[in-house]
Amino acid sequence: MITIYNNSYKKEVIDLILHVQNVEYGVGISLEEQQDILNIDSHYIKNGGNFWVALNEKNEEQSDWRKRRMKFAY
């Protein structure tokens, strides 16, 4: 299921983004360098865009990045 982002997904989204950037692709960027993901609502949603979260078949958010139950799109 795809749903609109809300702050209940914040930690999981940040963890996933940082893992992909720094572990999978070796970008070497910190959370502090990415103000947009610290406040997704004001950087994406309130500016007329959106940010979606995909949940698994049990509507569970991502709690362990290795399970890849949640993906994101913006």
N, C-alpha and C. Protein backbone atom coordinates (compact mmCIF):
# COMPACT_ATOMS: atom_id res chain seq x y z
N MET A 1 0.84 -1.17 0.00
CA MET A 1 0.00 0.00 0.00
C MET A 1 0.89 1.24 0.00
N ILE A 2 0.51 2.23 -0.75
CA ILE A 2 1.22 3.50 -0.77
C ILE A 2 0.37 4.51 -0.02
N THR A 3 1.01 5.26 0.86
CA THR A 3 0.31 6.25 1.66
C THR A 3 1.12 7.54 1.69
N ILE A 4 0.47 8.62 2.02
CA ILE A 4 1.15 9.90 2.14
C ILE A 4 1.95 9.91 3.44
N TYR A 5 3.15 10.43 3.34
CA TYR A 5 4.05 10.53 4.50
C TYR A 5 3.41 11.32 5.62
N ASN A 6 3.66 10.85 6.85
CA ASN A 6 3.39 11.65 8.04
C ASN A 6 4.54 11.40 9.00
N ASN A 7 4.65 12.20 10.02
CA ASN A 7 5.81 12.13 10.92
C ASN A 7 5.95 10.82 11.67
N SER A 8 4.94 9.98 11.67
CA SER A 8 5.08 8.68 12.33
C SER A 8 6.09 7.79 11.59
N TYR A 9 6.39 8.13 10.33
CA TYR A 9 7.36 7.37 9.53
C TYR A 9 8.74 8.01 9.52
N LYS A 10 8.91 9.12 10.20
CA LYS A 10 10.13 9.92 10.09
C LYS A 10 11.41 9.13 10.34
N LYS A 11 11.51 8.45 11.45
CA LYS A 11 12.73 7.73 11.79
C LYS A 11 13.05 6.67 10.74
N GLU A 12 12.06 5.90 10.34
CA GLU A 12 12.27 4.84 9.38
C GLU A 12 12.69 5.38 8.01
N VAL A 13 12.07 6.49 7.59
CA VAL A 13 12.42 7.10 6.30
C VAL A 13 13.86 7.61 6.35
N ILE A 14 14.22 8.31 7.41
CA ILE A 14 15.58 8.82 7.55
C ILE A 14 16.58 7.68 7.57
N ASP A 15 16.31 6.64 8.34
CA ASP A 15 17.22 5.49 8.40
C ASP A 15 17.42 4.86 7.03
N LEU A 16 16.34 4.71 6.28
CA LEU A 16 16.42 4.10 4.96
C LEU A 16 17.21 4.99 3.99
N ILE A 17 16.92 6.29 3.98
CA ILE A 17 17.63 7.20 3.10
C ILE A 17 19.12 7.19 3.39
N LEU A 18 19.48 7.30 4.66
CA LEU A 18 20.90 7.32 5.02
C LEU A 18 21.59 6.00 4.69
N HIS A 19 20.91 4.90 4.87
CA HIS A 19 21.50 3.60 4.53
C HIS A 19 21.77 3.50 3.03
N VAL A 20 20.81 3.86 2.23
CA VAL A 20 20.98 3.78 0.78
C VAL A 20 22.11 4.71 0.34
N GLN A 21 22.11 5.94 0.83
CA GLN A 21 23.13 6.91 0.43
C GLN A 21 24.53 6.48 0.86
N ASN A 22 24.67 6.06 2.10
CA ASN A 22 26.00 5.89 2.66
C ASN A 22 26.52 4.46 2.66
N VAL A 23 25.65 3.49 2.77
CA VAL A 23 26.09 2.10 2.77
C VAL A 23 26.05 1.52 1.36
N GLU A 24 24.92 1.66 0.71
CA GLU A 24 24.78 1.07 -0.62
C GLU A 24 25.55 1.83 -1.70
N TYR A 25 25.57 3.17 -1.60
CA TYR A 25 26.20 3.97 -2.66
C TYR A 25 27.45 4.71 -2.21
N GLY A 26 27.78 4.67 -0.93
CA GLY A 26 29.01 5.28 -0.43
C GLY A 26 29.12 6.78 -0.65
N VAL A 27 28.00 7.49 -0.58
CA VAL A 27 27.99 8.93 -0.82
C VAL A 27 28.72 9.68 0.30
N GLY A 28 28.56 9.24 1.52
CA GLY A 28 29.22 9.89 2.65
C GLY A 28 28.59 11.22 3.04
N ILE A 29 27.27 11.26 3.11
CA ILE A 29 26.55 12.48 3.46
C ILE A 29 25.83 12.26 4.79
N SER A 30 25.87 13.28 5.62
CA SER A 30 25.26 13.15 6.95
C SER A 30 23.82 13.67 6.94
N LEU A 31 23.10 13.34 7.97
CA LEU A 31 21.73 13.81 8.13
C LEU A 31 21.71 15.33 8.23
N GLU A 32 22.65 15.91 8.94
CA GLU A 32 22.71 17.35 9.13
C GLU A 32 22.89 18.11 7.82
N GLU A 33 23.45 17.46 6.82
CA GLU A 33 23.65 18.09 5.52
C GLU A 33 22.41 18.05 4.63
N GLN A 34 21.35 17.47 5.13
CA GLN A 34 20.14 17.27 4.33
C GLN A 34 18.92 17.77 5.08
N GLN A 35 18.80 19.06 5.18
CA GLN A 35 17.70 19.65 5.92
C GLN A 35 16.34 19.22 5.39
N ASP A 36 16.27 18.87 4.12
CA ASP A 36 14.99 18.47 3.55
C ASP A 36 14.44 17.21 4.19
N ILE A 37 15.29 16.23 4.50
CA ILE A 37 14.75 15.01 5.10
C ILE A 37 14.54 15.13 6.60
N LEU A 38 15.06 16.19 7.19
CA LEU A 38 14.77 16.44 8.60
C LEU A 38 13.37 17.03 8.77
N ASN A 39 12.85 17.66 7.74
CA ASN A 39 11.52 18.23 7.80
C ASN A 39 10.83 18.06 6.44
N ILE A 40 10.43 16.84 6.18
CA ILE A 40 9.81 16.49 4.90
C ILE A 40 8.53 17.29 4.65
N ASP A 41 7.77 17.51 5.70
CA ASP A 41 6.50 18.23 5.55
C ASP A 41 6.72 19.63 4.97
N SER A 42 7.64 20.39 5.54
CA SER A 42 7.82 21.76 5.06
C SER A 42 8.61 21.84 3.76
N HIS A 43 9.47 20.87 3.49
CA HIS A 43 10.28 20.92 2.27
C HIS A 43 9.58 20.33 1.05
N TYR A 44 8.65 19.44 1.23
CA TYR A 44 8.00 18.78 0.10
C TYR A 44 6.50 19.00 0.07
N ILE A 45 5.82 18.70 1.15
CA ILE A 45 4.36 18.70 1.14
C ILE A 45 3.78 20.12 1.14
N LYS A 46 4.26 20.98 2.01
CA LYS A 46 3.70 22.34 2.11
C LYS A 46 4.08 23.23 0.93
N ASN A 47 5.04 22.79 0.13
CA ASN A 47 5.42 23.56 -1.06
C ASN A 47 4.65 23.11 -2.30
N GLY A 48 3.62 22.29 -2.11
CA GLY A 48 2.79 21.86 -3.21
C GLY A 48 3.13 20.49 -3.75
N GLY A 49 4.16 19.86 -3.22
CA GLY A 49 4.52 18.52 -3.64
C GLY A 49 3.95 17.49 -2.70
N ASN A 50 4.56 16.33 -2.69
CA ASN A 50 4.14 15.30 -1.77
C ASN A 50 5.29 14.34 -1.54
N PHE A 51 5.11 13.41 -0.63
CA PHE A 51 6.12 12.42 -0.27
C PHE A 51 5.35 11.18 0.13
N TRP A 52 5.58 10.10 -0.56
CA TRP A 52 4.81 8.88 -0.32
C TRP A 52 5.66 7.81 0.32
N VAL A 53 4.99 6.93 1.06
CA VAL A 53 5.64 5.81 1.72
C VAL A 53 4.90 4.55 1.31
N ALA A 54 5.64 3.53 0.90
CA ALA A 54 5.04 2.24 0.57
C ALA A 54 5.18 1.32 1.77
N LEU A 55 4.07 0.72 2.15
CA LEU A 55 4.04 -0.19 3.29
C LEU A 55 3.87 -1.61 2.80
N ASN A 56 4.24 -2.56 3.64
CA ASN A 56 4.09 -3.96 3.25
C ASN A 56 2.62 -4.38 3.30
N GLU A 57 2.37 -5.61 2.98
CA GLU A 57 1.00 -6.11 2.90
C GLU A 57 0.26 -6.08 4.24
N LYS A 58 1.01 -5.94 5.34
CA LYS A 58 0.38 -5.84 6.67
C LYS A 58 0.28 -4.39 7.13
N ASN A 59 0.54 -3.46 6.20
CA ASN A 59 0.54 -2.03 6.51
C ASN A 59 1.54 -1.67 7.59
N GLU A 60 2.65 -2.37 7.62
CA GLU A 60 3.69 -2.10 8.60
C GLU A 60 4.71 -1.15 8.00
N GLU A 61 5.13 -0.18 8.81
CA GLU A 61 6.19 0.69 8.36
C GLU A 61 7.52 -0.01 8.52
N GLN A 62 8.53 0.51 7.87
CA GLN A 62 9.86 -0.07 7.92
C GLN A 62 10.46 0.12 9.31
N SER A 63 10.79 -0.95 9.98
CA SER A 63 11.48 -0.84 11.25
C SER A 63 12.88 -1.41 11.17
N ASP A 64 13.18 -2.15 10.13
CA ASP A 64 14.50 -2.73 9.93
C ASP A 64 14.82 -2.61 8.45
N TRP A 65 15.78 -1.78 8.08
CA TRP A 65 16.06 -1.51 6.67
C TRP A 65 16.39 -2.78 5.90
N ARG A 66 16.92 -3.79 6.53
CA ARG A 66 17.29 -5.02 5.82
C ARG A 66 16.07 -5.76 5.29
N LYS A 67 14.93 -5.56 5.91
CA LYS A 67 13.71 -6.23 5.46
C LYS A 67 13.09 -5.51 4.27
N ARG A 68 13.46 -4.27 4.05
CA ARG A 68 12.97 -3.49 2.91
C ARG A 68 11.45 -3.50 2.79
N ARG A 69 10.77 -3.39 3.91
CA ARG A 69 9.32 -3.38 3.86
C ARG A 69 8.77 -2.03 3.45
N MET A 70 9.57 -1.00 3.60
CA MET A 70 9.09 0.33 3.25
C MET A 70 10.00 0.95 2.22
N LYS A 71 9.43 1.56 1.25
CA LYS A 71 10.18 2.30 0.25
C LYS A 71 9.61 3.71 0.25
N PHE A 72 10.28 4.64 -0.33
CA PHE A 72 9.77 5.99 -0.36
C PHE A 72 9.90 6.59 -1.74
N ALA A 73 9.12 7.58 -1.96
CA ALA A 73 9.18 8.31 -3.23
C ALA A 73 8.79 9.74 -2.95
N TYR A 74 9.38 10.65 -3.67
CA TYR A 74 9.00 12.06 -3.52
C TYR A 74 9.07 12.77 -4.82
